[in-house]
């Protein structure tokens, strides 16, 4: 019976490039991972889907703890993701130091790609409303239901993509122009936990220990995240 992990997209680069291969090499176990935005994961759980372990934003994880779906004592913080802007690999990067810089970049773009389903896209939709540019940006935006927004740059449908930096890094052929200005930045904290009814509880515990090990911090940083392990 495979070790099953449900995970948000934000940690995919760190897990695929470093943490999962290292876990398999050490244990001989290759986890079966399902990648989805937080909103989709919560919908799947509500429909009865379960796994052995899960990586989720803290707010949603707290909800699962309250409902007894994950083991409270197993919850461990791992990383924080910040929202960034991507452009094509051969395109000039816009200036993003101030909120006015950001507004100019968004209004000057042919099309801005963002997602309806992810935490970053939901935040961005509210942000452009707050900045008073939602109508202008959305009139030519490329809005996807879920997935990696930078893929729309590669497909030629957008010239800017908004998403958590770690998710933008999952797409080849683009470059990170930079994070959102600090005045409008929104970090998202992620944790890992075991399901209360995990079919492989011992392996889930081993996986969580691996994701919170000293070596894991460097993997998160290399994957465009800020490690929370030093603050545990």
Foldseek 3Di string as FASTA:
>chain_A
DAQEEEEELLCVQLCVVPQQVVLCVVPVGRHDYDYWAQQVVVVVVVVPDDGFKYKHFPVVVVVCVVVQFFPPVFKDWWWKWKKFKKFFPPDDQFDAADPVSVVCVLLPWQEEEEEPRHPFRVLVCVVCVVVVCNVSRVVQYHYYHTAQRCVCNVVVSTGMYMDTPLSNVVDPRMDTSTGHHPVSMDMTIMIMTTTPPHPCNVVSSVSNCSSLDPVNQVSQVVSRIHTCNVVD
